[in-house]
PDB file of N, CA and C in Angstrom:
ATOM      1  N   MET A   1     137.767 205.469  10.876  1.00  0.00           N
ATOM      2  CA  MET A   1     138.765 204.695  11.863  1.00  0.00           C
ATOM      3  C   MET A   1     139.303 204.799  11.750  1.00  0.00           C
ATOM      4  N   ALA A   2     140.329 204.837  12.876  1.00  0.00           N
ATOM      5  CA  ALA A   2     141.662 205.160  12.987  1.00  0.00           C
ATOM      6  C   ALA A   2     142.536 203.603  13.310  1.00  0.00           C
ATOM      7  N   THR A   3     143.714 203.594  12.298  1.00  0.00           N
ATOM      8  CA  THR A   3     144.093 201.868  12.533  1.00  0.00           C
ATOM      9  C   THR A   3     144.876 201.632  13.912  1.00  0.00           C
ATOM     10  N   LYS A   4     144.610 201.135  14.701  1.00  0.00           N
ATOM     11  CA  LYS A   4     145.292 200.526  16.091  1.00  0.00           C
ATOM     12  C   LYS A   4     147.151 199.902  15.568  1.00  0.00           C
ATOM     13  N   LYS A   5     147.804 201.088  16.088  1.00  0.00           N
ATOM     14  CA  LYS A   5     149.794 200.234  15.932  1.00  0.00           C
ATOM     15  C   LYS A   5     149.853 199.382  16.747  1.00  0.00           C
ATOM     16  N   PRO A   6     150.340 197.965  16.302  1.00  0.00           N
ATOM     17  CA  PRO A   6     150.789 196.768  17.487  1.00  0.00           C
ATOM     18  C   PRO A   6     151.637 197.370  18.291  1.00  0.00           C
ATOM     19  N   ASN A   7     151.288 196.856  19.325  1.00  0.00           N
ATOM     20  CA  ASN A   7     152.247 197.125  20.803  1.00  0.00           C
ATOM     21  C   ASN A   7     153.414 196.292  21.032  1.00  0.00           C
ATOM     22  N   TYR A   8     153.670 195.646  19.261  1.00  0.00           N
ATOM     23  CA  TYR A   8     154.675 194.627  19.696  1.00  0.00           C
ATOM     24  C   TYR A   8     155.655 194.827  18.452  1.00  0.00           C
ATOM     25  N   PHE A   9     156.356 193.844  18.284  1.00  0.00           N
ATOM     26  CA  PHE A   9     156.791 193.927  17.054  1.00  0.00           C
ATOM     27  C   PHE A   9     157.843 192.166  17.168  1.00  0.00           C
ATOM     28  N   ILE A  10     157.981 191.535  16.076  1.00  0.00           N
ATOM     29  CA  ILE A  10     158.824 190.322  15.959  1.00  0.00           C
ATOM     30  C   ILE A  10     160.286 190.284  15.638  1.00  0.00           C
ATOM     31  N   ARG A  11     161.212 189.517  16.141  1.00  0.00           N
ATOM     32  CA  ARG A  11     162.115 189.995  16.249  1.00  0.00           C
ATOM     33  C   ARG A  11     162.918 188.544  15.346  1.00  0.00           C
ATOM     34  N   SER A  12     163.622 188.369  15.203  1.00  0.00           N
ATOM     35  CA  SER A  12     164.299 186.951  14.615  1.00  0.00           C
ATOM     36  C   SER A  12     166.114 186.908  14.014  1.00  0.00           C
ATOM     37  N   LYS A  13     165.962 185.650  14.247  1.00  0.00           N
ATOM     38  CA  LYS A  13     167.105 185.090  13.981  1.00  0.00           C
ATOM     39  C   LYS A  13     167.599 184.040  13.021  1.00  0.00           C
ATOM     40  N   TYR A  14     168.155 183.837  12.428  1.00  0.00           N
ATOM     41  CA  TYR A  14     168.334 182.849  11.495  1.00  0.00           C
ATOM     42  C   TYR A  14     169.775 182.637  11.445  1.00  0.00           C
ATOM     43  N   ALA A  15     170.650 181.430  11.881  1.00  0.00           N
ATOM     44  CA  ALA A  15     171.825 180.684  11.241  1.00  0.00           C
ATOM     45  C   ALA A  15     171.798 179.558  11.470  1.00  0.00           C
ATOM     46  N   ASP A  16     172.808 178.657  10.518  1.00  0.00           N
ATOM     47  CA  ASP A  16     172.884 177.380  10.720  1.00  0.00           C
ATOM     48  C   ASP A  16     171.980 176.264  10.810  1.00  0.00           C
ATOM     49  N   GLY A  17     170.701 177.302   9.977  1.00  0.00           N
ATOM     50  CA  GLY A  17     169.934 176.314   9.920  1.00  0.00           C
ATOM     51  C   GLY A  17     168.610 176.577  11.417  1.00  0.00           C
ATOM     52  N   HIS A  18     168.745 177.103  11.697  1.00  0.00           N
ATOM     53  CA  HIS A  18     168.227 177.420  13.222  1.00  0.00           C
ATOM     54  C   HIS A  18     167.184 178.784  13.189  1.00  0.00           C
ATOM     55  N   LEU A  19     166.124 178.486  13.331  1.00  0.00           N
ATOM     56  CA  LEU A  19     165.296 180.076  13.436  1.00  0.00           C
ATOM     57  C   LEU A  19     164.519 180.547  14.778  1.00  0.00           C
ATOM     58  N   LEU A  20     165.150 181.245  15.066  1.00  0.00           N
ATOM     59  CA  LEU A  20     164.360 181.697  16.306  1.00  0.00           C
ATOM     60  C   LEU A  20     163.239 183.323  16.515  1.00  0.00           C
ATOM     61  N   LEU A  21     162.381 183.080  16.501  1.00  0.00           N
ATOM     62  CA  LEU A  21     161.293 184.126  16.566  1.00  0.00           C
ATOM     63  C   LEU A  21     160.649 184.436  17.664  1.00  0.00           C
ATOM     64  N   GLU A  22     161.101 185.875  17.835  1.00  0.00           N
ATOM     65  CA  GLU A  22     160.319 186.481  19.215  1.00  0.00           C
ATOM     66  C   GLU A  22     159.764 187.519  19.346  1.00  0.00           C
ATOM     67  N   ALA A  23     158.519 187.334  19.923  1.00  0.00           N
ATOM     68  CA  ALA A  23     157.750 188.221  19.886  1.00  0.00           C
ATOM     69  C   ALA A  23     157.988 189.416  20.870  1.00  0.00           C
ATOM     70  N   VAL A  24     157.722 190.903  20.878  1.00  0.00           N
ATOM     71  CA  VAL A  24     158.545 191.603  21.956  1.00  0.00           C
ATOM     72  C   VAL A  24     157.965 192.891  21.926  1.00  0.00           C
ATOM     73  N   HIS A  25     157.568 193.491  23.460  1.00  0.00           N
ATOM     74  CA  HIS A  25     156.572 194.188  23.675  1.00  0.00           C
ATOM     75  C   HIS A  25     157.388 195.681  23.443  1.00  0.00           C
ATOM     76  N   VAL A  26     156.530 196.537  22.416  1.00  0.00           N
ATOM     77  CA  VAL A  26     157.734 197.761  22.193  1.00  0.00           C
ATOM     78  C   VAL A  26     157.904 198.276  23.142  1.00  0.00           C
ATOM     79  N   GLU A  27     157.341 198.959  24.267  1.00  0.00           N
ATOM     80  CA  GLU A  27     157.859 200.180  24.925  1.00  0.00           C
ATOM     81  C   GLU A  27     159.252 199.275  26.280  1.00  0.00           C
ATOM     82  N   THR A  28     158.701 198.007  26.542  1.00  0.00           N
ATOM     83  CA  THR A  28     159.234 197.709  27.496  1.00  0.00           C
ATOM     84  C   THR A  28     160.450 196.585  26.536  1.00  0.00           C
ATOM     85  N   ASP A  29     160.495 196.455  25.675  1.00  0.00           N
ATOM     86  CA  ASP A  29     161.694 195.563  25.124  1.00  0.00           C
ATOM     87  C   ASP A  29     161.936 193.885  25.664  1.00  0.00           C
ATOM     88  N   ILE A  30     160.482 193.425  26.434  1.00  0.00           N
ATOM     89  CA  ILE A  30     160.262 192.573  26.835  1.00  0.00           C
ATOM     90  C   ILE A  30     159.840 191.304  26.143  1.00  0.00           C
ATOM     91  N   VAL A  31     160.258 190.138  25.495  1.00  0.00           N
ATOM     92  CA  VAL A  31     160.122 189.365  25.067  1.00  0.00           C
ATOM     93  C   VAL A  31     158.731 188.344  25.817  1.00  0.00           C
ATOM     94  N   PHE A  32     158.031 188.126  25.037  1.00  0.00           N
ATOM     95  CA  PHE A  32     156.516 187.902  25.663  1.00  0.00           C
ATOM     96  C   PHE A  32     156.187 186.647  25.319  1.00  0.00           C
ATOM     97  N   HIS A  33     157.256 186.092  24.295  1.00  0.00           N
ATOM     98  CA  HIS A  33     156.841 185.114  23.587  1.00  0.00           C
ATOM     99  C   HIS A  33     157.736 184.379  22.680  1.00  0.00           C
ATOM    100  N   ASN A  34     158.416 183.178  22.160  1.00  0.00           N
ATOM    101  CA  ASN A  34     158.991 182.925  21.498  1.00  0.00           C
ATOM    102  C   ASN A  34     158.897 181.770  21.056  1.00  0.00           C
ATOM    103  N   TYR A  35     159.676 181.298  19.801  1.00  0.00           N
ATOM    104  CA  TYR A  35     159.567 180.498  18.705  1.00  0.00           C
ATOM    105  C   TYR A  35     161.070 180.066  18.196  1.00  0.00           C
ATOM    106  N   GLN A  36     160.894 178.701  18.362  1.00  0.00           N
ATOM    107  CA  GLN A  36     161.997 177.960  17.578  1.00  0.00           C
ATOM    108  C   GLN A  36     162.206 176.889  16.600  1.00  0.00           C
ATOM    109  N   ILE A  37     162.505 176.550  15.617  1.00  0.00           N
ATOM    110  CA  ILE A  37     162.301 176.046  14.919  1.00  0.00           C
ATOM    111  C   ILE A  37     163.280 175.498  13.776  1.00  0.00           C
ATOM    112  N   ILE A  38     164.038 174.697  13.319  1.00  0.00           N
ATOM    113  CA  ILE A  38     165.165 174.611  12.225  1.00  0.00           C
ATOM    114  C   ILE A  38     164.671 174.733  10.698  1.00  0.00           C
ATOM    115  N   ALA A  39     164.917 175.279  10.339  1.00  0.00           N
ATOM    116  CA  ALA A  39     164.360 175.939   8.996  1.00  0.00           C
ATOM    117  C   ALA A  39     165.700 175.379   7.565  1.00  0.00           C
ATOM    118  N   GLU A  40     164.892 174.488   6.765  1.00  0.00           N
ATOM    119  CA  GLU A  40     165.984 174.334   5.722  1.00  0.00           C
ATOM    120  C   GLU A  40     167.058 175.580   5.309  1.00  0.00           C
ATOM    121  N   ASN A  41     166.257 176.439   4.842  1.00  0.00           N
ATOM    122  CA  ASN A  41     167.407 177.359   3.769  1.00  0.00           C
ATOM    123  C   ASN A  41     166.584 178.985   4.359  1.00  0.00           C
ATOM    124  N   GLU A  42     167.067 179.978   3.754  1.00  0.00           N
ATOM    125  CA  GLU A  42     167.037 181.326   3.916  1.00  0.00           C
ATOM    126  C   GLU A  42     165.288 181.222   3.700  1.00  0.00           C
ATOM    127  N   GLN A  43     164.918 180.836   2.343  1.00  0.00           N
ATOM    128  CA  GLN A  43     163.553 181.603   1.873  1.00  0.00           C
ATOM    129  C   GLN A  43     162.658 180.482   3.121  1.00  0.00           C
ATOM    130  N   ASP A  44     163.322 179.116   3.581  1.00  0.00           N
ATOM    131  CA  ASP A  44     162.225 178.502   4.581  1.00  0.00           C
ATOM    132  C   ASP A  44     162.121 179.340   5.519  1.00  0.00           C
ATOM    133  N   ALA A  45     163.176 180.016   5.771  1.00  0.00           N
ATOM    134  CA  ALA A  45     163.036 180.758   7.477  1.00  0.00           C
ATOM    135  C   ALA A  45     161.911 182.430   7.023  1.00  0.00           C
ATOM    136  N   ASN A  46     162.265 182.453   5.951  1.00  0.00           N
ATOM    137  CA  ASN A  46     161.394 183.812   5.126  1.00  0.00           C
ATOM    138  C   ASN A  46     159.953 183.596   5.650  1.00  0.00           C
ATOM    139  N   LEU A  47     159.449 182.309   5.259  1.00  0.00           N
ATOM    140  CA  LEU A  47     158.195 181.897   5.253  1.00  0.00           C
ATOM    141  C   LEU A  47     157.292 181.755   6.715  1.00  0.00           C
ATOM    142  N   THR A  48     158.049 181.076   7.605  1.00  0.00           N
ATOM    143  CA  THR A  48     158.059 181.182   8.116  1.00  0.00           C
ATOM    144  C   THR A  48     158.074 182.333   9.548  1.00  0.00           C
ATOM    145  N   ILE A  49     158.949 182.966   9.234  1.00  0.00           N
ATOM    146  CA  ILE A  49     158.680 185.102   9.963  1.00  0.00           C
ATOM    147  C   ILE A  49     157.084 184.777   9.085  1.00  0.00           C
ATOM    148  N   GLU A  50     157.024 184.861   8.296  1.00  0.00           N
ATOM    149  CA  GLU A  50     156.258 185.789   7.764  1.00  0.00           C
ATOM    150  C   GLU A  50     154.851 184.785   8.076  1.00  0.00           C
ATOM    151  N   ALA A  51     154.448 183.497   8.806  1.00  0.00           N
ATOM    152  CA  ALA A  51     153.077 182.591   8.963  1.00  0.00           C
ATOM    153  C   ALA A  51     152.909 183.327  10.552  1.00  0.00           C
ATOM    154  N   TYR A  52     154.487 183.786  11.335  1.00  0.00           N
ATOM    155  CA  TYR A  52     154.081 183.907  12.985  1.00  0.00           C
ATOM    156  C   TYR A  52     153.655 185.263  13.356  1.00  0.00           C
ATOM    157  N   LYS A  53     154.045 186.052  11.928  1.00  0.00           N
ATOM    158  CA  LYS A  53     153.463 187.506  12.113  1.00  0.00           C
ATOM    159  C   LYS A  53     151.666 187.308  11.809  1.00  0.00           C
ATOM    160  N   ARG A  54     151.622 186.710  10.905  1.00  0.00           N
ATOM    161  CA  ARG A  54     150.142 186.341  10.777  1.00  0.00           C
ATOM    162  C   ARG A  54     149.861 185.801  11.558  1.00  0.00           C
ATOM    163  N   PHE A  55     150.305 184.775  12.794  1.00  0.00           N
ATOM    164  CA  PHE A  55     149.375 184.014  13.694  1.00  0.00           C
ATOM    165  C   PHE A  55     149.505 185.157  14.182  1.00  0.00           C
ATOM    166  N   MET A  56     150.692 185.890  15.291  1.00  0.00           N
ATOM    167  CA  MET A  56     150.633 186.444  16.444  1.00  0.00           C
ATOM    168  C   MET A  56     149.276 187.443  16.044  1.00  0.00           C
ATOM    169  N   SER A  57     148.809 188.240  15.199  1.00  0.00           N
ATOM    170  CA  SER A  57     148.445 189.086  15.002  1.00  0.00           C
ATOM    171  C   SER A  57     147.036 189.068  14.604  1.00  0.00           C
ATOM    172  N   LYS A  58     146.433 187.552  14.202  1.00  0.00           N
ATOM    173  CA  LYS A  58     145.165 186.907  14.307  1.00  0.00           C
ATOM    174  C   LYS A  58     144.599 186.709  15.158  1.00  0.00           C
ATOM    175  N   ASN A  59     143.412 187.185  15.565  1.00  0.00           N
ATOM    176  CA  ASN A  59     142.721 187.003  16.656  1.00  0.00           C
ATOM    177  C   ASN A  59     143.101 187.629  17.901  1.00  0.00           C
ATOM    178  N   ASP A  60     143.911 188.201  17.963  1.00  0.00           N
ATOM    179  CA  ASP A  60     144.682 189.042  19.022  1.00  0.00           C
ATOM    180  C   ASP A  60     145.393 188.046  19.687  1.00  0.00           C
ATOM    181  N   ASN A  61     146.340 186.951  19.219  1.00  0.00           N
ATOM    182  CA  ASN A  61     147.143 185.896  20.184  1.00  0.00           C
ATOM    183  C   ASN A  61     148.264 186.851  20.373  1.00  0.00           C
ATOM    184  N   ALA A  62     148.825 187.870  19.953  1.00  0.00           N
ATOM    185  CA  ALA A  62     150.141 188.566  20.536  1.00  0.00           C
ATOM    186  C   ALA A  62     149.497 188.764  21.955  1.00  0.00           C
ATOM    187  N   LEU A  63     147.960 189.726  22.172  1.00  0.00           N
ATOM    188  CA  LEU A  63     147.562 190.280  23.246  1.00  0.00           C
ATOM    189  C   LEU A  63     147.393 189.106  24.151  1.00  0.00           C
ATOM    190  N   ARG A  64     147.294 187.666  24.092  1.00  0.00           N
ATOM    191  CA  ARG A  64     146.799 186.442  25.047  1.00  0.00           C
ATOM    192  C   ARG A  64     148.114 186.586  25.095  1.00  0.00           C
ATOM    193  N   PHE A  65     149.085 186.113  24.574  1.00  0.00           N
ATOM    194  CA  PHE A  65     150.442 185.833  24.887  1.00  0.00           C
ATOM    195  C   PHE A  65     151.121 186.638  26.066  1.00  0.00           C
ATOM    196  N   MET A  66     151.332 187.921  25.247  1.00  0.00           N
ATOM    197  CA  MET A  66     151.535 188.938  26.372  1.00  0.00           C
ATOM    198  C   MET A  66     151.029 188.843  28.136  1.00  0.00           C
ATOM    199  N   ALA A  67     149.482 188.971  28.595  1.00  0.00           N
ATOM    200  CA  ALA A  67     148.701 188.352  29.265  1.00  0.00           C
ATOM    201  C   ALA A  67     149.105 187.210  29.814  1.00  0.00           C
ATOM    202  N   LEU A  68     149.290 186.219  28.984  1.00  0.00           N
ATOM    203  CA  LEU A  68     150.017 184.855  29.716  1.00  0.00           C
ATOM    204  C   LEU A  68     151.257 184.773  30.852  1.00  0.00           C
ATOM    205  N   HIS A  69     151.982 185.976  30.072  1.00  0.00           N
ATOM    206  CA  HIS A  69     153.326 186.339  30.386  1.00  0.00           C
ATOM    207  C   HIS A  69     153.226 186.873  31.773  1.00  0.00           C
ATOM    208  N   LEU A  70     152.469 188.324  31.718  1.00  0.00           N
ATOM    209  CA  LEU A  70     152.464 188.535  32.632  1.00  0.00           C
ATOM    210  C   LEU A  70     151.595 188.283  33.486  1.00  0.00           C
ATOM    211  N   ALA A  71     150.644 187.103  33.433  1.00  0.00           N
ATOM    212  CA  ALA A  71     150.373 185.963  34.725  1.00  0.00           C
ATOM    213  C   ALA A  71     151.544 185.385  35.427  1.00  0.00           C
ATOM    214  N   ASP A  72     152.491 184.843  34.101  1.00  0.00           N
ATOM    215  CA  ASP A  72     153.151 184.129  34.806  1.00  0.00           C
ATOM    216  C   ASP A  72     154.788 184.577  35.447  1.00  0.00           C
ATOM    217  N   THR A  73     154.436 186.438  35.272  1.00  0.00           N
ATOM    218  CA  THR A  73     155.353 186.706  35.986  1.00  0.00           C
ATOM    219  C   THR A  73     155.242 187.282  37.304  1.00  0.00           C
ATOM    220  N   LEU A  74     153.723 187.526  37.547  1.00  0.00           N
ATOM    221  CA  LEU A  74     153.281 187.478  38.441  1.00  0.00           C
ATOM    222  C   LEU A  74     152.670 186.467  39.586  1.00  0.00           C
ATOM    223  N   GLU A  75     153.230 185.380  39.191  1.00  0.00           N
ATOM    224  CA  GLU A  75     152.977 184.257  39.593  1.00  0.00           C
ATOM    225  C   GLU A  75     151.419 184.138  40.186  1.00  0.00           C
ATOM    226  N   VAL A  76     150.401 183.959  39.035  1.00  0.00           N
ATOM    227  CA  VAL A  76     148.997 184.181  39.049  1.00  0.00           C
ATOM    228  C   VAL A  76     148.847 182.472  38.461  1.00  0.00           C
ATOM    229  N   ASP A  77     147.925 181.860  38.788  1.00  0.00           N
ATOM    230  CA  ASP A  77     147.569 180.579  38.379  1.00  0.00           C
ATOM    231  C   ASP A  77     146.365 180.809  37.705  1.00  0.00           C
ATOM    232  N   TYR A  78     146.795 180.374  36.348  1.00  0.00           N
ATOM    233  CA  TYR A  78     146.040 181.239  34.964  1.00  0.00           C
ATOM    234  C   TYR A  78     144.985 179.891  34.541  1.00  0.00           C
ATOM    235  N   LYS A  79     145.585 178.643  35.031  1.00  0.00           N
ATOM    236  CA  LYS A  79     145.514 177.021  34.332  1.00  0.00           C
ATOM    237  C   LYS A  79     144.128 176.769  34.085  1.00  0.00           C
ATOM    238  N   GLY A  80     142.995 176.920  33.104  1.00  0.00           N
ATOM    239  CA  GLY A  80     142.137 176.596  32.953  1.00  0.00           C
ATOM    240  C   GLY A  80     140.716 177.555  33.497  1.00  0.00           C
ATOM    241  N   LYS A  81     141.555 179.049  33.226  1.00  0.00           N
ATOM    242  CA  LYS A  81     140.738 179.895  32.831  1.00  0.00           C
ATOM    243  C   LYS A  81     140.816 180.890  31.539  1.00  0.00           C
ATOM    244  N   SER A  82     139.629 181.526  31.809  1.00  0.00           N
ATOM    245  CA  SER A  82     139.136 182.182  30.658  1.00  0.00           C
ATOM    246  C   SER A  82     140.037 183.571  30.935  1.00  0.00           C
ATOM    247  N   ALA A  83     139.978 184.132  29.747  1.00  0.00           N
ATOM    248  CA  ALA A  83     140.816 185.250  29.135  1.00  0.00           C
ATOM    249  C   ALA A  83     140.268 186.546  30.204  1.00  0.00           C
ATOM    250  N   ASN A  84     138.929 186.689  30.622  1.00  0.00           N
ATOM    251  CA  ASN A  84     138.602 187.310  31.212  1.00  0.00           C
ATOM    252  C   ASN A  84     138.791 187.296  32.816  1.00  0.00           C
ATOM    253  N   GLU A  85     138.729 185.952  33.131  1.00  0.00           N
ATOM    254  CA  GLU A  85     139.151 185.760  34.576  1.00  0.00           C
ATOM    255  C   GLU A  85     140.683 185.675  34.509  1.00  0.00           C
ATOM    256  N   ILE A  86     141.494 185.319  33.245  1.00  0.00           N
ATOM    257  CA  ILE A  86     142.833 185.843  34.037  1.00  0.00           C
ATOM    258  C   ILE A  86     143.858 187.248  33.727  1.00  0.00           C
ATOM    259  N   ALA A  87     142.387 188.391  33.245  1.00  0.00           N
ATOM    260  CA  ALA A  87     142.557 189.680  32.936  1.00  0.00           C
ATOM    261  C   ALA A  87     142.315 189.810  34.579  1.00  0.00           C
ATOM    262  N   PHE A  88     140.964 189.593  35.355  1.00  0.00           N
ATOM    263  CA  PHE A  88     140.956 190.139  36.403  1.00  0.00           C
ATOM    264  C   PHE A  88     141.950 189.858  37.501  1.00  0.00           C
ATOM    265  N   LEU A  89     142.038 188.440  37.661  1.00  0.00           N
ATOM    266  CA  LEU A  89     143.452 188.538  38.521  1.00  0.00           C
ATOM    267  C   LEU A  89     144.246 188.938  38.289  1.00  0.00           C
ATOM    268  N   ILE A  90     145.299 189.280  37.251  1.00  0.00           N
ATOM    269  CA  ILE A  90     146.154 189.662  37.063  1.00  0.00           C
ATOM    270  C   ILE A  90     145.621 191.146  37.492  1.00  0.00           C
ATOM    271  N   VAL A  91     144.827 191.923  37.662  1.00  0.00           N
ATOM    272  CA  VAL A  91     144.553 193.582  37.881  1.00  0.00           C
ATOM    273  C   VAL A  91     144.072 193.269  39.501  1.00  0.00           C
ATOM    274  N   ALA A  92     143.913 192.106  40.012  1.00  0.00           N
ATOM    275  CA  ALA A  92     143.576 191.906  41.475  1.00  0.00           C
ATOM    276  C   ALA A  92     145.366 191.861  41.864  1.00  0.00           C
ATOM    277  N   LYS A  93     146.030 190.983  41.463  1.00  0.00           N
ATOM    278  CA  LYS A  93     147.481 190.473  42.357  1.00  0.00           C
ATOM    279  C   LYS A  93     148.486 192.430  41.867  1.00  0.00           C
ATOM    280  N   ILE A  94     148.051 192.991  40.787  1.00  0.00           N
ATOM    281  CA  ILE A  94     148.845 194.160  40.820  1.00  0.00           C
ATOM    282  C   ILE A  94     147.860 195.060  41.590  1.00  0.00           C
ATOM    283  N   LYS A  95     146.924 194.905  42.374  1.00  0.00           N
ATOM    284  CA  LYS A  95     145.981 196.239  43.204  1.00  0.00           C
ATOM    285  C   LYS A  95     146.983 195.620  44.501  1.00  0.00           C
ATOM    286  N   GLU A  96     146.644 194.423  44.766  1.00  0.00           N
ATOM    287  CA  GLU A  96     147.021 193.726  45.877  1.00  0.00           C
ATOM    288  C   GLU A  96     148.130 194.454  46.464  1.00  0.00           C
ATOM    289  N   SER A  97     149.442 193.916  45.659  1.00  0.00           N
ATOM    290  CA  SER A  97     150.795 195.026  45.087  1.00  0.00           C
ATOM    291  C   SER A  97     150.781 195.923  45.865  1.00  0.00           C
ATOM    292  N   ASP A  98     149.697 196.688  45.165  1.00  0.00           N
ATOM    293  CA  ASP A  98     150.317 198.266  45.073  1.00  0.00           C
ATOM    294  C   ASP A  98     149.711 198.647  46.901  1.00  0.00           C
ATOM    295  N   ILE A  99     148.644 198.235  47.178  1.00  0.00           N
ATOM    296  CA  ILE A  99     148.592 197.936  48.248  1.00  0.00           C
ATOM    297  C   ILE A  99     149.564 197.747  49.730  1.00  0.00           C
ATOM    298  N   ARG A 100     150.159 196.660  48.755  1.00  0.00           N
ATOM    299  CA  ARG A 100     151.032 196.631  50.134  1.00  0.00           C
ATOM    300  C   ARG A 100     152.531 197.076  49.825  1.00  0.00           C
ATOM    301  N   GLY A 101     151.883 198.232  48.648  1.00  0.00           N
ATOM    302  CA  GLY A 101     153.243 199.045  48.501  1.00  0.00           C
ATOM    303  C   GLY A 101     155.139 198.351  47.849  1.00  0.00           C
ATOM    304  N   GLU A 102     154.546 197.304  47.234  1.00  0.00           N
ATOM    305  CA  GLU A 102     155.664 196.138  46.442  1.00  0.00           C
ATOM    306  C   GLU A 102     155.440 196.816  45.311  1.00  0.00           C
ATOM    307  N   GLN A 103     157.174 196.558  44.395  1.00  0.00           N
ATOM    308  CA  GLN A 103     157.304 197.076  42.982  1.00  0.00           C
ATOM    309  C   GLN A 103     157.800 195.548  42.171  1.00  0.00           C
TER     310      GLN A 103
END
């Protein structure tokens, strides 16, 4: 069984006790999720980075955040909806845009 290559990467920046983590789509370089936290030192920052990577890979959280980012971008009302309903609304919005010739 082939291993699926992730479609995102984690970018981090640590300076003056502040850590910024960004989940970035590989092909588009779009940041679809970010997390900011105060880290006491570089070791604390590295531990937080590793925890964020694990969190994003667990249960397809990165994919969920990508879908929510896309829903926000397309102005899809996803509040209170399941993941399947959100995906259906996103596809419907894209088809609607294609029919109207929007880009």
